Amino acid sequence: MDKKFKKGIVQVYTGDGKGKTTAAIGLALRAAGQGFKVYMIQFLKSPKLSSGEFKMKDAFGNNLKLERLNTPWWSLKSFKNDKHVEKMKEFLKEEMIKLKDIISSGKYNLIILDEINICLFYGLIDLNDVIELIKNKPADLEIVLTGRYAPEELKKIADLVTEMKLIKHPFSTGLKARRGIEY
């Protein structure tokens, strides 16, 4: 890896408004387009979801690696199912070990943990594990954490926190998620 950031910071995109993942993807495309190496993992997004970003993951060659967890998760339905929650907790423990290796590998300039804040909120991932990852990250590595309900402890240690605030959304009038806009 030739390029490096002089200083990598920690960014948090949170709030109840639309645009957290979209902002992170925009940052990923910008960094990849400038020749930086980006790793993005999408927590809690179904591997069956045919999102635009997942279809484009190979367009930037080796500069952008986008992964999803290979486990079924049905958002609110799964949160209400104790078996799903326990299975996901165990699965995510293993993923956090892999993530620690990815962060310390030096292969990436920017790492995006999409929807990890929701995992923290629902106790699927231990906040102390995430804080440890952040504290031990290389100085030139940028990390972005997205999702609603970012814990206060995470906001305090982050260098940049952006809150997307819901003012108005067409979902409230019954408009469904649209291909190319919401996914």
N, C-alpha and C. Protein backbone atom coordinates (compact mmCIF):
# COMPACT_ATOMS: atom_id res chain seq x y z
N MET A 1 0.86 -1.18 0.00
CA MET A 1 0.00 0.00 0.00
C MET A 1 0.89 1.23 0.00
N ASP A 2 0.80 2.02 -1.05
CA ASP A 2 1.66 3.19 -1.18
C ASP A 2 1.11 4.41 -0.48
N LYS A 3 -0.16 4.67 -0.68
CA LYS A 3 -0.77 5.88 -0.13
C LYS A 3 -1.12 5.70 1.33
N LYS A 4 -1.02 6.79 2.08
CA LYS A 4 -1.41 6.78 3.48
C LYS A 4 -2.01 8.14 3.82
N PHE A 5 -2.91 8.14 4.78
CA PHE A 5 -3.39 9.40 5.33
C PHE A 5 -2.36 9.85 6.35
N LYS A 6 -2.11 11.15 6.42
CA LYS A 6 -1.18 11.65 7.45
C LYS A 6 -1.72 11.34 8.83
N LYS A 7 -3.01 11.53 9.01
CA LYS A 7 -3.66 11.22 10.27
C LYS A 7 -5.02 10.62 9.95
N GLY A 8 -5.25 9.44 10.47
CA GLY A 8 -6.55 8.80 10.30
C GLY A 8 -7.41 9.11 11.52
N ILE A 9 -8.63 9.53 11.27
CA ILE A 9 -9.53 9.86 12.36
C ILE A 9 -10.67 8.85 12.45
N VAL A 10 -11.48 9.01 13.47
CA VAL A 10 -12.67 8.16 13.66
C VAL A 10 -13.89 9.02 13.42
N GLN A 11 -14.74 8.55 12.49
CA GLN A 11 -15.97 9.26 12.16
C GLN A 11 -17.17 8.41 12.54
N VAL A 12 -18.21 9.07 13.01
CA VAL A 12 -19.47 8.40 13.34
C VAL A 12 -20.59 9.11 12.59
N TYR A 13 -21.37 8.33 11.83
CA TYR A 13 -22.56 8.84 11.17
C TYR A 13 -23.75 8.17 11.84
N THR A 14 -24.60 8.94 12.50
CA THR A 14 -25.69 8.36 13.27
C THR A 14 -26.95 9.21 13.09
N GLY A 15 -27.99 8.90 13.83
CA GLY A 15 -29.23 9.66 13.78
C GLY A 15 -30.35 8.89 13.13
N ASP A 16 -31.56 9.47 13.19
CA ASP A 16 -32.74 8.78 12.66
C ASP A 16 -33.06 9.17 11.23
N GLY A 17 -32.23 10.01 10.63
CA GLY A 17 -32.46 10.43 9.25
C GLY A 17 -31.75 9.53 8.24
N LYS A 18 -32.16 9.67 7.00
CA LYS A 18 -31.59 8.90 5.89
C LYS A 18 -30.22 9.47 5.54
N GLY A 19 -29.30 8.59 5.13
CA GLY A 19 -28.06 9.08 4.56
C GLY A 19 -26.77 8.62 5.22
N LYS A 20 -26.85 7.82 6.26
CA LYS A 20 -25.64 7.39 6.97
C LYS A 20 -24.79 6.47 6.10
N THR A 21 -25.39 5.42 5.58
CA THR A 21 -24.66 4.51 4.70
C THR A 21 -24.30 5.21 3.41
N THR A 22 -25.20 6.02 2.89
CA THR A 22 -24.95 6.74 1.65
C THR A 22 -23.72 7.65 1.79
N ALA A 23 -23.60 8.35 2.92
CA ALA A 23 -22.44 9.20 3.15
C ALA A 23 -21.17 8.37 3.22
N ALA A 24 -21.24 7.23 3.90
CA ALA A 24 -20.07 6.36 4.02
C ALA A 24 -19.64 5.82 2.65
N ILE A 25 -20.62 5.45 1.83
CA ILE A 25 -20.31 4.94 0.49
C ILE A 25 -19.70 6.05 -0.35
N GLY A 26 -20.22 7.26 -0.23
CA GLY A 26 -19.62 8.39 -0.94
C GLY A 26 -18.17 8.59 -0.55
N LEU A 27 -17.89 8.50 0.73
CA LEU A 27 -16.51 8.63 1.21
C LEU A 27 -15.65 7.49 0.67
N ALA A 28 -16.19 6.27 0.65
CA ALA A 28 -15.46 5.12 0.13
C ALA A 28 -15.11 5.32 -1.34
N LEU A 29 -16.06 5.79 -2.13
CA LEU A 29 -15.81 6.02 -3.55
C LEU A 29 -14.78 7.12 -3.76
N ARG A 30 -14.87 8.16 -2.96
CA ARG A 30 -13.91 9.26 -3.05
C ARG A 30 -12.50 8.75 -2.74
N ALA A 31 -12.37 8.01 -1.66
CA ALA A 31 -11.05 7.50 -1.26
C ALA A 31 -10.50 6.52 -2.29
N ALA A 32 -11.35 5.58 -2.74
CA ALA A 32 -10.92 4.60 -3.73
C ALA A 32 -10.52 5.29 -5.04
N GLY A 33 -11.27 6.29 -5.41
CA GLY A 33 -10.96 7.04 -6.62
C GLY A 33 -9.63 7.77 -6.55
N GLN A 34 -9.18 8.08 -5.35
CA GLN A 34 -7.89 8.74 -5.14
C GLN A 34 -6.77 7.73 -4.91
N GLY A 35 -7.08 6.45 -5.06
CA GLY A 35 -6.06 5.42 -4.95
C GLY A 35 -5.85 4.86 -3.56
N PHE A 36 -6.71 5.23 -2.60
CA PHE A 36 -6.61 4.67 -1.26
C PHE A 36 -7.34 3.33 -1.22
N LYS A 37 -6.94 2.49 -0.30
CA LYS A 37 -7.54 1.16 -0.14
C LYS A 37 -8.65 1.23 0.91
N VAL A 38 -9.83 0.75 0.53
CA VAL A 38 -11.02 0.85 1.38
C VAL A 38 -11.57 -0.55 1.65
N TYR A 39 -11.91 -0.79 2.91
CA TYR A 39 -12.60 -2.01 3.30
C TYR A 39 -13.90 -1.59 3.97
N MET A 40 -15.01 -2.11 3.48
CA MET A 40 -16.31 -1.81 4.06
C MET A 40 -17.03 -3.11 4.36
N ILE A 41 -17.50 -3.23 5.59
CA ILE A 41 -18.30 -4.39 5.96
C ILE A 41 -19.68 -3.90 6.38
N GLN A 42 -20.70 -4.54 5.84
CA GLN A 42 -22.07 -4.17 6.15
C GLN A 42 -22.64 -5.18 7.14
N PHE A 43 -22.84 -4.71 8.38
CA PHE A 43 -23.46 -5.53 9.41
C PHE A 43 -24.97 -5.46 9.23
N LEU A 44 -25.65 -6.56 9.48
CA LEU A 44 -27.12 -6.63 9.51
C LEU A 44 -27.79 -6.32 8.19
N LYS A 45 -27.07 -6.36 7.10
CA LYS A 45 -27.71 -6.20 5.79
C LYS A 45 -27.72 -7.57 5.16
N SER A 46 -28.90 -8.03 4.81
CA SER A 46 -29.09 -9.39 4.31
C SER A 46 -28.20 -9.65 3.11
N PRO A 47 -27.57 -10.84 3.07
CA PRO A 47 -26.76 -11.19 1.90
C PRO A 47 -27.62 -11.33 0.65
N LYS A 48 -28.93 -11.43 0.82
CA LYS A 48 -29.82 -11.55 -0.34
C LYS A 48 -30.20 -10.19 -0.92
N LEU A 49 -29.95 -9.11 -0.18
CA LEU A 49 -30.31 -7.77 -0.66
C LEU A 49 -29.47 -7.41 -1.88
N SER A 50 -30.12 -7.08 -2.95
CA SER A 50 -29.43 -6.74 -4.19
C SER A 50 -29.23 -5.22 -4.26
N SER A 51 -28.36 -4.70 -3.39
CA SER A 51 -28.16 -3.25 -3.34
C SER A 51 -27.20 -2.79 -4.44
N GLY A 52 -27.35 -1.54 -4.82
CA GLY A 52 -26.50 -0.96 -5.86
C GLY A 52 -25.04 -0.97 -5.48
N GLU A 53 -24.73 -0.65 -4.22
CA GLU A 53 -23.33 -0.61 -3.82
C GLU A 53 -22.68 -2.00 -3.88
N PHE A 54 -23.46 -3.03 -3.57
CA PHE A 54 -22.89 -4.38 -3.60
C PHE A 54 -22.64 -4.81 -5.05
N LYS A 55 -23.51 -4.40 -5.94
CA LYS A 55 -23.32 -4.72 -7.36
C LYS A 55 -22.10 -4.01 -7.93
N MET A 56 -21.75 -2.86 -7.37
CA MET A 56 -20.62 -2.05 -7.87
C MET A 56 -19.31 -2.34 -7.15
N LYS A 57 -19.31 -3.28 -6.23
CA LYS A 57 -18.15 -3.48 -5.36
C LYS A 57 -16.86 -3.80 -6.12
N ASP A 58 -16.96 -4.36 -7.30
CA ASP A 58 -15.76 -4.72 -8.05
C ASP A 58 -15.32 -3.64 -9.04
N ALA A 59 -16.09 -2.57 -9.13
CA ALA A 59 -15.79 -1.53 -10.12
C ALA A 59 -14.49 -0.78 -9.84
N PHE A 60 -14.04 -0.78 -8.59
CA PHE A 60 -12.83 -0.06 -8.23
C PHE A 60 -11.63 -0.99 -8.06
N GLY A 61 -11.75 -2.20 -8.58
CA GLY A 61 -10.63 -3.14 -8.53
C GLY A 61 -10.20 -3.42 -7.10
N ASN A 62 -8.92 -3.37 -6.87
CA ASN A 62 -8.36 -3.68 -5.56
C ASN A 62 -8.50 -2.54 -4.56
N ASN A 63 -8.98 -1.39 -4.99
CA ASN A 63 -9.08 -0.25 -4.08
C ASN A 63 -10.28 -0.31 -3.15
N LEU A 64 -11.28 -1.10 -3.48
CA LEU A 64 -12.49 -1.16 -2.66
C LEU A 64 -12.93 -2.60 -2.46
N LYS A 65 -12.97 -2.99 -1.20
CA LYS A 65 -13.48 -4.32 -0.85
C LYS A 65 -14.72 -4.12 0.00
N LEU A 66 -15.84 -4.64 -0.47
CA LEU A 66 -17.12 -4.52 0.23
C LEU A 66 -17.61 -5.91 0.57
N GLU A 67 -17.87 -6.14 1.85
CA GLU A 67 -18.35 -7.44 2.29
C GLU A 67 -19.63 -7.28 3.10
N ARG A 68 -20.38 -8.36 3.13
CA ARG A 68 -21.54 -8.47 4.00
C ARG A 68 -21.37 -9.71 4.84
N LEU A 69 -21.97 -9.70 6.00
CA LEU A 69 -21.94 -10.91 6.82
C LEU A 69 -22.79 -11.97 6.15
N ASN A 70 -22.29 -13.16 6.08
CA ASN A 70 -23.02 -14.24 5.42
C ASN A 70 -23.91 -14.95 6.44
N THR A 71 -24.87 -14.21 6.94
CA THR A 71 -25.82 -14.77 7.91
C THR A 71 -27.17 -14.10 7.71
N PRO A 72 -28.24 -14.87 7.79
CA PRO A 72 -29.55 -14.25 7.61
C PRO A 72 -29.91 -13.36 8.80
N TRP A 73 -30.43 -12.20 8.50
CA TRP A 73 -30.87 -11.28 9.55
C TRP A 73 -32.03 -10.50 8.98
N TRP A 74 -33.15 -10.53 9.68
CA TRP A 74 -34.35 -9.89 9.17
C TRP A 74 -34.76 -8.73 10.04
N SER A 75 -33.84 -7.88 10.31
CA SER A 75 -34.05 -6.63 11.03
C SER A 75 -34.93 -6.81 12.26
N LEU A 76 -36.06 -6.16 12.30
CA LEU A 76 -36.88 -6.16 13.50
C LEU A 76 -37.38 -7.55 13.90
N LYS A 77 -37.64 -8.40 12.92
CA LYS A 77 -38.08 -9.76 13.23
C LYS A 77 -36.99 -10.50 14.00
N SER A 78 -35.75 -10.37 13.58
CA SER A 78 -34.66 -11.09 14.24
C SER A 78 -34.40 -10.56 15.64
N PHE A 79 -34.56 -9.26 15.85
CA PHE A 79 -34.35 -8.70 17.18
C PHE A 79 -35.34 -9.26 18.19
N LYS A 80 -36.50 -9.71 17.72
CA LYS A 80 -37.53 -10.24 18.61
C LYS A 80 -37.39 -11.75 18.82
N ASN A 81 -36.43 -12.36 18.14
CA ASN A 81 -36.23 -13.80 18.22
C ASN A 81 -34.95 -14.07 19.01
N ASP A 82 -35.10 -14.57 20.24
CA ASP A 82 -33.94 -14.80 21.12
C ASP A 82 -32.91 -15.72 20.49
N LYS A 83 -33.36 -16.73 19.76
CA LYS A 83 -32.41 -17.65 19.12
C LYS A 83 -31.58 -16.92 18.06
N HIS A 84 -32.23 -16.07 17.28
CA HIS A 84 -31.51 -15.29 16.26
C HIS A 84 -30.49 -14.37 16.93
N VAL A 85 -30.90 -13.72 18.01
CA VAL A 85 -30.03 -12.78 18.70
C VAL A 85 -28.80 -13.51 19.25
N GLU A 86 -28.99 -14.63 19.91
CA GLU A 86 -27.85 -15.37 20.48
C GLU A 86 -26.93 -15.90 19.38
N LYS A 87 -27.52 -16.40 18.31
CA LYS A 87 -26.71 -16.90 17.19
C LYS A 87 -25.89 -15.75 16.59
N MET A 88 -26.50 -14.59 16.45
CA MET A 88 -25.81 -13.45 15.86
C MET A 88 -24.69 -12.96 16.79
N LYS A 89 -24.93 -12.96 18.09
CA LYS A 89 -23.89 -12.55 19.04
C LYS A 89 -22.65 -13.43 18.90
N GLU A 90 -22.86 -14.73 18.82
CA GLU A 90 -21.74 -15.65 18.66
C GLU A 90 -21.03 -15.43 17.33
N PHE A 91 -21.81 -15.27 16.29
CA PHE A 91 -21.24 -15.03 14.96
C PHE A 91 -20.42 -13.74 14.96
N LEU A 92 -20.95 -12.70 15.58
CA LEU A 92 -20.26 -11.41 15.58
C LEU A 92 -19.00 -11.40 16.44
N LYS A 93 -18.94 -12.26 17.45
CA LYS A 93 -17.70 -12.39 18.21
C LYS A 93 -16.57 -12.82 17.29
N GLU A 94 -16.85 -13.78 16.43
CA GLU A 94 -15.85 -14.25 15.46
C GLU A 94 -15.52 -13.15 14.45
N GLU A 95 -16.52 -12.42 14.01
CA GLU A 95 -16.29 -11.34 13.05
C GLU A 95 -15.42 -10.24 13.65
N MET A 96 -15.60 -9.97 14.93
CA MET A 96 -14.78 -8.94 15.59
C MET A 96 -13.32 -9.36 15.65
N ILE A 97 -13.06 -10.64 15.82
CA ILE A 97 -11.68 -11.14 15.80
C ILE A 97 -11.08 -10.93 14.41
N LYS A 98 -11.85 -11.25 13.37
CA LYS A 98 -11.40 -11.04 11.98
C LYS A 98 -11.16 -9.55 11.74
N LEU A 99 -12.08 -8.73 12.23
CA LEU A 99 -11.98 -7.28 12.03
C LEU A 99 -10.71 -6.72 12.69
N LYS A 100 -10.39 -7.23 13.85
CA LYS A 100 -9.16 -6.80 14.53
C LYS A 100 -7.95 -7.07 13.64
N ASP A 101 -7.92 -8.23 13.01
CA ASP A 101 -6.82 -8.57 12.10
C ASP A 101 -6.81 -7.67 10.87
N ILE A 102 -7.99 -7.37 10.34
CA ILE A 102 -8.08 -6.49 9.17
C ILE A 102 -7.57 -5.10 9.51
N ILE A 103 -7.98 -4.58 10.67
CA ILE A 103 -7.57 -3.24 11.08
C ILE A 103 -6.06 -3.17 11.29
N SER A 104 -5.48 -4.19 11.88
CA SER A 104 -4.05 -4.17 12.16
C SER A 104 -3.19 -4.60 10.97
N SER A 105 -3.82 -5.07 9.90
CA SER A 105 -3.08 -5.61 8.75
C SER A 105 -2.28 -4.56 7.99
N GLY A 106 -2.70 -3.31 8.05
CA GLY A 106 -2.03 -2.27 7.27
C GLY A 106 -2.39 -2.29 5.79
N LYS A 107 -3.35 -3.13 5.39
CA LYS A 107 -3.75 -3.24 3.99
C LYS A 107 -4.70 -2.14 3.55
N TYR A 108 -5.35 -1.48 4.52
CA TYR A 108 -6.39 -0.51 4.17
C TYR A 108 -6.12 0.86 4.79
N ASN A 109 -6.58 1.88 4.06
CA ASN A 109 -6.49 3.26 4.55
C ASN A 109 -7.78 3.68 5.24
N LEU A 110 -8.90 3.14 4.78
CA LEU A 110 -10.22 3.51 5.28
C LEU A 110 -11.01 2.24 5.53
N ILE A 111 -11.56 2.13 6.73
CA ILE A 111 -12.41 0.98 7.06
C ILE A 111 -13.76 1.52 7.51
N ILE A 112 -14.82 1.01 6.88
CA ILE A 112 -16.18 1.44 7.18
C ILE A 112 -16.94 0.28 7.80
N LEU A 113 -17.48 0.52 8.98
CA LEU A 113 -18.26 -0.47 9.72
C LEU A 113 -19.73 -0.04 9.65
N ASP A 114 -20.38 -0.45 8.58
CA ASP A 114 -21.73 -0.01 8.29
C ASP A 114 -22.75 -0.71 9.18
N GLU A 115 -23.56 0.07 9.87
CA GLU A 115 -24.62 -0.39 10.78
C GLU A 115 -24.09 -1.01 12.07
N ILE A 116 -22.84 -0.78 12.39
CA ILE A 116 -22.30 -1.34 13.63
C ILE A 116 -22.95 -0.69 14.85
N ASN A 117 -23.38 0.57 14.72
CA ASN A 117 -24.01 1.24 15.86
C ASN A 117 -25.28 0.53 16.31
N ILE A 118 -26.03 -0.03 15.37
CA ILE A 118 -27.24 -0.80 15.72
C ILE A 118 -26.84 -2.06 16.48
N CYS A 119 -25.77 -2.69 16.03
CA CYS A 119 -25.27 -3.89 16.73
C CYS A 119 -24.91 -3.55 18.17
N LEU A 120 -24.30 -2.40 18.36
CA LEU A 120 -23.93 -1.96 19.71
C LEU A 120 -25.18 -1.67 20.54
N PHE A 121 -26.13 -0.98 19.96
CA PHE A 121 -27.36 -0.60 20.66
C PHE A 121 -28.11 -1.82 21.18
N TYR A 122 -28.19 -2.86 20.35
CA TYR A 122 -28.93 -4.06 20.72
C TYR A 122 -28.06 -5.10 21.44
N GLY A 123 -26.82 -4.75 21.73
CA GLY A 123 -25.96 -5.65 22.49
C GLY A 123 -25.45 -6.84 21.72
N LEU A 124 -25.47 -6.77 20.39
CA LEU A 124 -24.96 -7.87 19.58
C LEU A 124 -23.43 -7.88 19.58
N ILE A 125 -22.84 -6.71 19.75
CA ILE A 125 -21.39 -6.54 19.83
C ILE A 125 -21.10 -5.76 21.10
N ASP A 126 -20.05 -6.13 21.79
CA ASP A 126 -19.65 -5.46 23.03
C ASP A 126 -18.99 -4.13 22.70
N LEU A 127 -19.48 -3.06 23.29
CA LEU A 127 -18.93 -1.72 23.06
C LEU A 127 -17.45 -1.66 23.41
N ASN A 128 -17.04 -2.34 24.46
CA ASN A 128 -15.63 -2.33 24.85
C ASN A 128 -14.73 -2.90 23.76
N ASP A 129 -15.23 -3.90 23.02
CA ASP A 129 -14.46 -4.47 21.91
C ASP A 129 -14.25 -3.44 20.80
N VAL A 130 -15.28 -2.66 20.52
CA VAL A 130 -15.17 -1.64 19.48
C VAL A 130 -14.24 -0.52 19.93
N ILE A 131 -14.37 -0.10 21.17
CA ILE A 131 -13.49 0.95 21.70
C ILE A 131 -12.04 0.48 21.67
N GLU A 132 -11.80 -0.77 21.98
CA GLU A 132 -10.44 -1.32 21.92
C GLU A 132 -9.90 -1.28 20.49
N LEU A 133 -10.74 -1.64 19.51
CA LEU A 133 -10.32 -1.57 18.10
C LEU A 133 -9.90 -0.15 17.73
N ILE A 134 -10.70 0.80 18.16
CA ILE A 134 -10.43 2.20 17.83
C ILE A 134 -9.14 2.66 18.50
N LYS A 135 -8.98 2.36 19.77
CA LYS A 135 -7.78 2.79 20.50
C LYS A 135 -6.50 2.17 19.94
N ASN A 136 -6.60 0.98 19.38
CA ASN A 136 -5.43 0.28 18.88
C ASN A 136 -5.24 0.38 17.37
N LYS A 137 -6.04 1.20 16.71
CA LYS A 137 -5.92 1.32 15.26
C LYS A 137 -4.61 2.03 14.90
N PRO A 138 -4.06 1.73 13.72
CA PRO A 138 -2.89 2.48 13.27
C PRO A 138 -3.23 3.97 13.15
N ALA A 139 -2.26 4.82 13.39
CA ALA A 139 -2.48 6.27 13.40
C ALA A 139 -2.93 6.81 12.05
N ASP A 140 -2.58 6.14 10.97
CA ASP A 140 -2.94 6.63 9.63
C ASP A 140 -4.21 5.99 9.07
N LEU A 141 -4.90 5.20 9.88
CA LEU A 141 -6.13 4.52 9.44
C LEU A 141 -7.36 5.34 9.82
N GLU A 142 -8.21 5.56 8.84
CA GLU A 142 -9.50 6.24 9.04
C GLU A 142 -10.56 5.16 9.27
N ILE A 143 -11.39 5.35 10.28
CA ILE A 143 -12.49 4.40 10.56
C ILE A 143 -13.80 5.17 10.61
N VAL A 144 -14.81 4.63 9.93
CA VAL A 144 -16.15 5.22 9.93
C VAL A 144 -17.11 4.17 10.48
N LEU A 145 -17.94 4.61 11.44
CA LEU A 145 -18.95 3.73 12.04
C LEU A 145 -20.31 4.35 11.76
N THR A 146 -21.22 3.57 11.16
CA THR A 146 -22.53 4.11 10.82
C THR A 146 -23.63 3.39 11.58
N GLY A 147 -24.80 3.99 11.52
CA GLY A 147 -26.00 3.39 12.09
C GLY A 147 -26.64 4.25 13.16
N ARG A 148 -27.92 4.06 13.32
CA ARG A 148 -28.65 4.76 14.38
C ARG A 148 -28.10 4.39 15.74
N TYR A 149 -28.46 5.20 16.70
CA TYR A 149 -28.23 4.91 18.12
C TYR A 149 -26.76 4.77 18.51
N ALA A 150 -25.88 5.55 17.94
CA ALA A 150 -24.47 5.49 18.35
C ALA A 150 -24.37 5.76 19.84
N PRO A 151 -23.68 4.92 20.58
CA PRO A 151 -23.55 5.12 22.02
C PRO A 151 -22.77 6.40 22.34
N GLU A 152 -23.11 7.02 23.44
CA GLU A 152 -22.44 8.26 23.85
C GLU A 152 -20.93 8.05 24.00
N GLU A 153 -20.52 6.90 24.53
CA GLU A 153 -19.09 6.63 24.70
C GLU A 153 -18.37 6.66 23.36
N LEU A 154 -19.01 6.15 22.33
CA LEU A 154 -18.43 6.15 20.99
C LEU A 154 -18.35 7.57 20.44
N LYS A 155 -19.40 8.34 20.64
CA LYS A 155 -19.39 9.74 20.18
C LYS A 155 -18.28 10.53 20.85
N LYS A 156 -18.02 10.25 22.13
CA LYS A 156 -16.98 10.98 22.86
C LYS A 156 -15.58 10.71 22.32
N ILE A 157 -15.30 9.47 21.93
CA ILE A 157 -13.94 9.17 21.46
C ILE A 157 -13.75 9.44 19.97
N ALA A 158 -14.85 9.62 19.24
CA ALA A 158 -14.76 9.91 17.80
C ALA A 158 -14.22 11.32 17.58
N ASP A 159 -13.59 11.51 16.44
CA ASP A 159 -13.08 12.83 16.06
C ASP A 159 -14.13 13.64 15.32
N LEU A 160 -15.04 12.95 14.65
CA LEU A 160 -16.09 13.60 13.88
C LEU A 160 -17.38 12.82 14.12
N VAL A 161 -18.44 13.53 14.47
CA VAL A 161 -19.75 12.89 14.65
C VAL A 161 -20.76 13.70 13.85
N THR A 162 -21.44 13.03 12.94
CA THR A 162 -22.50 13.66 12.17
C THR A 162 -23.81 12.96 12.49
N GLU A 163 -24.82 13.74 12.83
CA GLU A 163 -26.13 13.17 13.11
C GLU A 163 -27.08 13.54 11.98
N MET A 164 -27.61 12.51 11.32
CA MET A 164 -28.62 12.71 10.29
C MET A 164 -29.95 12.81 11.01
N LYS A 165 -30.64 13.92 10.83
CA LYS A 165 -31.89 14.15 11.54
C LYS A 165 -33.07 14.02 10.58
N LEU A 166 -34.04 13.22 10.97
CA LEU A 166 -35.24 13.04 10.17
C LEU A 166 -36.13 14.27 10.31
N ILE A 167 -36.38 14.92 9.21
CA ILE A 167 -37.34 16.03 9.17
C ILE A 167 -38.62 15.55 8.48
N LYS A 168 -38.43 14.89 7.35
CA LYS A 168 -39.56 14.39 6.57
C LYS A 168 -39.05 13.23 5.72
N HIS A 169 -39.83 12.18 5.60
CA HIS A 169 -39.42 11.04 4.78
C HIS A 169 -40.66 10.46 4.11
N PRO A 170 -40.57 10.10 2.82
CA PRO A 170 -41.73 9.56 2.12
C PRO A 170 -42.18 8.19 2.62
N PHE A 171 -41.37 7.50 3.42
CA PHE A 171 -41.82 6.23 4.00
C PHE A 171 -43.07 6.44 4.84
N SER A 172 -43.19 7.61 5.48
CA SER A 172 -44.35 7.88 6.35
C SER A 172 -45.66 7.96 5.55
N THR A 173 -45.56 8.17 4.24
CA THR A 173 -46.75 8.19 3.39
C THR A 173 -46.97 6.86 2.68
N GLY A 174 -46.13 5.86 3.02
CA GLY A 174 -46.31 4.53 2.45
C GLY A 174 -45.38 4.19 1.30
N LEU A 175 -44.53 5.12 0.88
CA LEU A 175 -43.60 4.82 -0.20
C LEU A 175 -42.59 3.78 0.28
N LYS A 176 -42.44 2.73 -0.47
CA LYS A 176 -41.52 1.64 -0.13
C LYS A 176 -40.09 2.02 -0.54
N ALA A 177 -39.12 1.27 0.01
CA ALA A 177 -37.71 1.45 -0.37
C ALA A 177 -37.58 1.25 -1.87
N ARG A 178 -36.81 2.13 -2.51
CA ARG A 178 -36.67 2.11 -3.96
C ARG A 178 -35.27 1.69 -4.39
N ARG A 179 -35.22 0.79 -5.37
CA ARG A 179 -33.96 0.34 -5.94
C ARG A 179 -33.20 1.56 -6.49
N GLY A 180 -31.93 1.66 -6.16
CA GLY A 180 -31.12 2.76 -6.65
C GLY A 180 -31.15 3.99 -5.76
N ILE A 181 -32.09 4.06 -4.82
CA ILE A 181 -32.17 5.20 -3.91
C ILE A 181 -31.93 4.74 -2.47
N GLU A 182 -32.71 3.80 -1.99
CA GLU A 182 -32.52 3.28 -0.63
C GLU A 182 -31.63 2.03 -0.61
N TYR A 183 -31.51 1.37 -1.72
CA TYR A 183 -30.64 0.17 -1.77
C TYR A 183 -30.09 -0.03 -3.15
